[in-house]
Amino acid sequence: MSPLARISSSYAPRFAEFAFEPAFVAAVDQHVAEIRERLAATSAGLVPRPPHREDLTDYALGFLDALDEIDWREPVGHDYAVCRLTAISWLVHRHDLLTDTGPTEPAAG
């Protein structure tokens, strides 16, 4: 299973918490914005372009490696890592990055 699929299957169920956890929604929104910025997924328009699947996968792998290094375990509530992983999952679902039609790295040329 790809890293994005693994994160999505684990953290997409947390989207249900958005209905009754406004602070969680705000935190995840901030994480989405930061991830977009880190991946340079901004554009001059009002709507940022979708992240490239490969870029988000590389970012997710690095984040998961860092969590492994500190022996992180998912808490009951929402810590930084839960918010970040939920944000990654939200980007994957929002931009349909698990299908073949999702945004990929543009061809060089």
N, C-alpha and C. Protein backbone atom coordinates (compact mmCIF):
# COMPACT_ATOMS: atom_id res chain seq x y z
N MET A 1 0.85 -1.17 0.00
CA MET A 1 0.00 0.00 0.00
C MET A 1 0.90 1.24 0.00
N SER A 2 0.56 2.21 -0.81
CA SER A 2 1.36 3.43 -0.90
C SER A 2 1.26 4.22 0.41
N PRO A 3 2.25 5.07 0.69
CA PRO A 3 2.19 5.88 1.91
C PRO A 3 0.94 6.76 1.96
N LEU A 4 0.56 7.34 0.83
CA LEU A 4 -0.63 8.20 0.82
C LEU A 4 -1.89 7.37 1.08
N ALA A 5 -1.96 6.18 0.53
CA ALA A 5 -3.12 5.31 0.77
C ALA A 5 -3.16 4.87 2.23
N ARG A 6 -2.00 4.57 2.79
CA ARG A 6 -1.93 4.15 4.19
C ARG A 6 -2.37 5.28 5.13
N ILE A 7 -1.88 6.48 4.87
CA ILE A 7 -2.26 7.63 5.70
C ILE A 7 -3.76 7.91 5.54
N SER A 8 -4.24 7.87 4.31
CA SER A 8 -5.65 8.14 4.06
C SER A 8 -6.57 7.14 4.74
N SER A 9 -6.22 5.88 4.68
CA SER A 9 -7.08 4.88 5.31
C SER A 9 -7.09 5.04 6.82
N SER A 10 -6.00 5.53 7.38
CA SER A 10 -5.93 5.71 8.83
C SER A 10 -6.55 7.01 9.32
N TYR A 11 -6.43 8.08 8.53
CA TYR A 11 -6.81 9.41 9.03
C TYR A 11 -8.04 10.02 8.37
N ALA A 12 -8.51 9.51 7.24
CA ALA A 12 -9.75 10.01 6.65
C ALA A 12 -10.94 9.82 7.59
N PRO A 13 -11.00 8.74 8.38
CA PRO A 13 -12.12 8.62 9.31
C PRO A 13 -12.22 9.78 10.31
N ARG A 14 -11.10 10.48 10.53
CA ARG A 14 -11.13 11.63 11.44
C ARG A 14 -11.89 12.82 10.84
N PHE A 15 -12.17 12.80 9.54
CA PHE A 15 -12.95 13.89 8.94
C PHE A 15 -14.31 14.00 9.63
N ALA A 16 -14.84 12.90 10.12
CA ALA A 16 -16.13 12.92 10.81
C ALA A 16 -16.08 13.81 12.06
N GLU A 17 -14.90 13.95 12.65
CA GLU A 17 -14.75 14.79 13.84
C GLU A 17 -14.89 16.28 13.51
N PHE A 18 -14.75 16.64 12.23
CA PHE A 18 -14.86 18.05 11.84
C PHE A 18 -16.22 18.63 12.23
N ALA A 19 -17.25 17.80 12.23
CA ALA A 19 -18.61 18.27 12.52
C ALA A 19 -18.78 18.79 13.94
N PHE A 20 -17.97 18.28 14.87
CA PHE A 20 -18.15 18.69 16.26
C PHE A 20 -16.86 19.16 16.94
N GLU A 21 -15.79 19.33 16.18
CA GLU A 21 -14.51 19.78 16.72
C GLU A 21 -13.97 20.95 15.90
N PRO A 22 -14.53 22.16 16.09
CA PRO A 22 -14.08 23.30 15.28
C PRO A 22 -12.59 23.62 15.46
N ALA A 23 -12.05 23.39 16.62
CA ALA A 23 -10.62 23.64 16.83
C ALA A 23 -9.78 22.67 16.01
N PHE A 24 -10.23 21.44 15.87
CA PHE A 24 -9.54 20.46 15.06
C PHE A 24 -9.59 20.87 13.59
N VAL A 25 -10.76 21.34 13.13
CA VAL A 25 -10.89 21.81 11.75
C VAL A 25 -9.90 22.94 11.49
N ALA A 26 -9.83 23.89 12.41
CA ALA A 26 -8.92 25.03 12.24
C ALA A 26 -7.47 24.57 12.21
N ALA A 27 -7.11 23.65 13.08
CA ALA A 27 -5.74 23.15 13.13
C ALA A 27 -5.38 22.41 11.83
N VAL A 28 -6.28 21.57 11.37
CA VAL A 28 -6.02 20.83 10.12
C VAL A 28 -5.92 21.81 8.95
N ASP A 29 -6.77 22.82 8.93
CA ASP A 29 -6.71 23.83 7.87
C ASP A 29 -5.35 24.53 7.86
N GLN A 30 -4.82 24.84 9.03
CA GLN A 30 -3.50 25.46 9.11
C GLN A 30 -2.41 24.51 8.61
N HIS A 31 -2.54 23.24 8.93
CA HIS A 31 -1.57 22.25 8.46
C HIS A 31 -1.64 22.10 6.94
N VAL A 32 -2.86 22.11 6.38
CA VAL A 32 -3.02 22.03 4.92
C VAL A 32 -2.30 23.21 4.28
N ALA A 33 -2.51 24.40 4.83
CA ALA A 33 -1.87 25.60 4.26
C ALA A 33 -0.35 25.51 4.34
N GLU A 34 0.16 25.01 5.45
CA GLU A 34 1.61 24.89 5.60
C GLU A 34 2.19 23.84 4.64
N ILE A 35 1.49 22.73 4.48
CA ILE A 35 1.96 21.69 3.56
C ILE A 35 1.98 22.25 2.13
N ARG A 36 0.91 22.94 1.75
CA ARG A 36 0.86 23.55 0.42
C ARG A 36 2.05 24.49 0.22
N GLU A 37 2.34 25.29 1.24
CA GLU A 37 3.46 26.23 1.15
C GLU A 37 4.78 25.49 1.02
N ARG A 38 4.96 24.46 1.83
CA ARG A 38 6.21 23.68 1.78
C ARG A 38 6.42 23.02 0.42
N LEU A 39 5.32 22.60 -0.19
CA LEU A 39 5.42 21.93 -1.48
C LEU A 39 5.35 22.91 -2.64
N ALA A 40 5.31 24.20 -2.32
CA ALA A 40 5.22 25.25 -3.34
C ALA A 40 3.99 25.05 -4.21
N ALA A 41 2.90 24.69 -3.58
CA ALA A 41 1.66 24.44 -4.30
C ALA A 41 0.80 25.70 -4.31
N THR A 42 1.42 26.85 -4.38
CA THR A 42 0.66 28.10 -4.43
C THR A 42 0.63 28.61 -5.86
N SER A 43 -0.34 29.43 -6.11
CA SER A 43 -0.44 30.03 -7.44
C SER A 43 -0.91 31.45 -7.27
N ALA A 44 -0.88 32.19 -8.34
CA ALA A 44 -1.29 33.59 -8.29
C ALA A 44 -2.81 33.71 -8.13
N GLY A 45 -3.56 32.68 -8.44
CA GLY A 45 -5.02 32.72 -8.34
C GLY A 45 -5.50 32.56 -6.91
N LEU A 46 -6.80 32.62 -6.78
CA LEU A 46 -7.41 32.48 -5.46
C LEU A 46 -7.40 31.04 -4.97
N VAL A 47 -7.38 30.11 -5.89
CA VAL A 47 -7.40 28.69 -5.53
C VAL A 47 -6.03 28.10 -5.81
N PRO A 48 -5.36 27.57 -4.79
CA PRO A 48 -4.04 26.98 -5.02
C PRO A 48 -4.14 25.74 -5.88
N ARG A 49 -3.08 25.50 -6.67
CA ARG A 49 -3.08 24.30 -7.49
C ARG A 49 -2.92 23.08 -6.59
N PRO A 50 -3.40 21.94 -7.05
CA PRO A 50 -3.26 20.72 -6.24
C PRO A 50 -1.79 20.33 -6.09
N PRO A 51 -1.45 19.72 -4.98
CA PRO A 51 -0.07 19.23 -4.85
C PRO A 51 0.14 18.06 -5.80
N HIS A 52 1.36 17.90 -6.25
CA HIS A 52 1.70 16.74 -7.08
C HIS A 52 1.79 15.51 -6.17
N ARG A 53 1.27 14.41 -6.66
CA ARG A 53 1.24 13.17 -5.88
C ARG A 53 2.64 12.78 -5.40
N GLU A 54 3.63 12.88 -6.28
CA GLU A 54 5.00 12.48 -5.91
C GLU A 54 5.57 13.39 -4.82
N ASP A 55 5.30 14.69 -4.92
CA ASP A 55 5.80 15.63 -3.91
C ASP A 55 5.16 15.34 -2.55
N LEU A 56 3.85 15.11 -2.56
CA LEU A 56 3.16 14.84 -1.29
C LEU A 56 3.60 13.49 -0.73
N THR A 57 3.84 12.53 -1.59
CA THR A 57 4.33 11.22 -1.13
C THR A 57 5.70 11.35 -0.48
N ASP A 58 6.60 12.08 -1.12
CA ASP A 58 7.93 12.30 -0.54
C ASP A 58 7.83 13.00 0.81
N TYR A 59 6.98 14.02 0.88
CA TYR A 59 6.80 14.73 2.14
C TYR A 59 6.25 13.78 3.21
N ALA A 60 5.22 13.01 2.86
CA ALA A 60 4.60 12.09 3.81
C ALA A 60 5.61 11.05 4.31
N LEU A 61 6.43 10.51 3.40
CA LEU A 61 7.44 9.53 3.81
C LEU A 61 8.43 10.15 4.80
N GLY A 62 8.87 11.35 4.55
CA GLY A 62 9.77 12.03 5.47
C GLY A 62 9.13 12.27 6.81
N PHE A 63 7.86 12.67 6.81
CA PHE A 63 7.15 12.90 8.06
C PHE A 63 6.98 11.60 8.84
N LEU A 64 6.59 10.53 8.14
CA LEU A 64 6.44 9.23 8.81
C LEU A 64 7.77 8.73 9.37
N ASP A 65 8.87 8.94 8.63
CA ASP A 65 10.19 8.56 9.13
C ASP A 65 10.53 9.32 10.41
N ALA A 66 10.23 10.62 10.44
CA ALA A 66 10.49 11.42 11.64
C ALA A 66 9.67 10.91 12.82
N LEU A 67 8.43 10.52 12.57
CA LEU A 67 7.60 9.97 13.65
C LEU A 67 8.15 8.64 14.15
N ASP A 68 8.64 7.82 13.24
CA ASP A 68 9.26 6.54 13.64
C ASP A 68 10.50 6.78 14.50
N GLU A 69 11.28 7.79 14.14
CA GLU A 69 12.50 8.09 14.89
C GLU A 69 12.22 8.47 16.34
N ILE A 70 11.10 9.13 16.57
CA ILE A 70 10.77 9.53 17.95
C ILE A 70 9.83 8.53 18.62
N ASP A 71 9.55 7.41 17.93
CA ASP A 71 8.68 6.36 18.45
C ASP A 71 7.30 6.91 18.82
N TRP A 72 6.74 7.72 17.93
CA TRP A 72 5.45 8.36 18.15
C TRP A 72 4.33 7.33 18.14
N ARG A 73 3.40 7.49 19.04
CA ARG A 73 2.19 6.67 19.09
C ARG A 73 1.00 7.60 19.05
N GLU A 74 0.00 7.24 18.26
CA GLU A 74 -1.17 8.10 18.11
C GLU A 74 -1.90 8.27 19.43
N PRO A 75 -2.11 9.51 19.86
CA PRO A 75 -2.82 9.75 21.11
C PRO A 75 -4.33 9.68 20.92
N VAL A 76 -5.05 9.76 22.01
CA VAL A 76 -6.51 9.77 21.95
C VAL A 76 -7.01 11.05 21.28
N GLY A 77 -6.40 12.17 21.59
CA GLY A 77 -6.85 13.46 21.05
C GLY A 77 -6.14 13.85 19.77
N HIS A 78 -5.87 15.14 19.66
CA HIS A 78 -5.26 15.68 18.45
C HIS A 78 -3.95 16.37 18.80
N ASP A 79 -2.85 15.73 18.49
CA ASP A 79 -1.56 16.40 18.64
C ASP A 79 -1.10 16.90 17.28
N TYR A 80 0.08 17.47 17.23
CA TYR A 80 0.63 18.02 15.99
C TYR A 80 0.62 16.96 14.88
N ALA A 81 1.09 15.77 15.19
CA ALA A 81 1.21 14.71 14.18
C ALA A 81 -0.16 14.28 13.65
N VAL A 82 -1.14 14.15 14.53
CA VAL A 82 -2.48 13.77 14.08
C VAL A 82 -3.04 14.83 13.14
N CYS A 83 -2.85 16.09 13.50
CA CYS A 83 -3.33 17.17 12.63
C CYS A 83 -2.61 17.15 11.29
N ARG A 84 -1.30 16.92 11.30
CA ARG A 84 -0.53 16.90 10.05
C ARG A 84 -0.95 15.72 9.19
N LEU A 85 -1.09 14.54 9.78
CA LEU A 85 -1.48 13.36 9.02
C LEU A 85 -2.91 13.49 8.49
N THR A 86 -3.78 14.09 9.26
CA THR A 86 -5.16 14.34 8.79
C THR A 86 -5.14 15.32 7.63
N ALA A 87 -4.27 16.33 7.71
CA ALA A 87 -4.14 17.30 6.62
C ALA A 87 -3.64 16.62 5.34
N ILE A 88 -2.67 15.75 5.47
CA ILE A 88 -2.19 15.00 4.31
C ILE A 88 -3.34 14.19 3.72
N SER A 89 -4.09 13.52 4.57
CA SER A 89 -5.23 12.73 4.11
C SER A 89 -6.27 13.61 3.42
N TRP A 90 -6.52 14.79 3.98
CA TRP A 90 -7.49 15.71 3.37
C TRP A 90 -7.03 16.12 1.97
N LEU A 91 -5.74 16.45 1.83
CA LEU A 91 -5.22 16.82 0.51
C LEU A 91 -5.35 15.66 -0.48
N VAL A 92 -5.07 14.45 -0.02
CA VAL A 92 -5.19 13.27 -0.88
C VAL A 92 -6.63 13.12 -1.37
N HIS A 93 -7.58 13.25 -0.46
CA HIS A 93 -8.98 13.08 -0.84
C HIS A 93 -9.49 14.26 -1.66
N ARG A 94 -9.14 15.46 -1.26
CA ARG A 94 -9.61 16.67 -1.96
C ARG A 94 -9.16 16.68 -3.41
N HIS A 95 -7.94 16.21 -3.66
CA HIS A 95 -7.38 16.27 -5.01
C HIS A 95 -7.32 14.91 -5.70
N ASP A 96 -7.99 13.92 -5.09
CA ASP A 96 -8.12 12.59 -5.71
C ASP A 96 -6.76 12.03 -6.11
N LEU A 97 -5.82 12.05 -5.18
CA LEU A 97 -4.45 11.65 -5.48
C LEU A 97 -4.21 10.14 -5.45
N LEU A 98 -5.22 9.37 -5.13
CA LEU A 98 -5.04 7.92 -5.10
C LEU A 98 -5.46 7.26 -6.41
N THR A 99 -6.05 8.04 -7.31
CA THR A 99 -6.45 7.48 -8.60
C THR A 99 -5.42 7.84 -9.66
N ASP A 100 -5.49 7.17 -10.77
CA ASP A 100 -4.57 7.45 -11.87
C ASP A 100 -4.81 8.82 -12.48
N THR A 101 -5.98 9.40 -12.23
CA THR A 101 -6.28 10.70 -12.82
C THR A 101 -5.89 11.85 -11.89
N GLY A 102 -5.41 11.53 -10.69
CA GLY A 102 -4.98 12.58 -9.76
C GLY A 102 -3.74 13.29 -10.27
N PRO A 103 -3.50 14.53 -9.79
CA PRO A 103 -2.32 15.29 -10.25
C PRO A 103 -1.02 14.55 -9.98
N THR A 104 -0.18 14.50 -10.99
CA THR A 104 1.15 13.91 -10.86
C THR A 104 2.16 14.95 -11.26
N GLU A 105 3.40 14.60 -11.13
CA GLU A 105 4.49 15.52 -11.51
C GLU A 105 4.41 15.78 -13.02
N PRO A 106 4.46 17.04 -13.44
CA PRO A 106 4.40 17.31 -14.87
C PRO A 106 5.62 16.76 -15.60
N ALA A 107 5.43 16.42 -16.85
CA ALA A 107 6.54 15.87 -17.66
C ALA A 107 7.56 16.97 -17.92
N ALA A 108 8.83 16.60 -17.87
CA ALA A 108 9.90 17.56 -18.15
C ALA A 108 9.92 17.85 -19.65
N GLY A 109 10.26 19.09 -19.97
CA GLY A 109 10.36 19.33 -21.40
C GLY A 109 9.96 20.66 -21.81
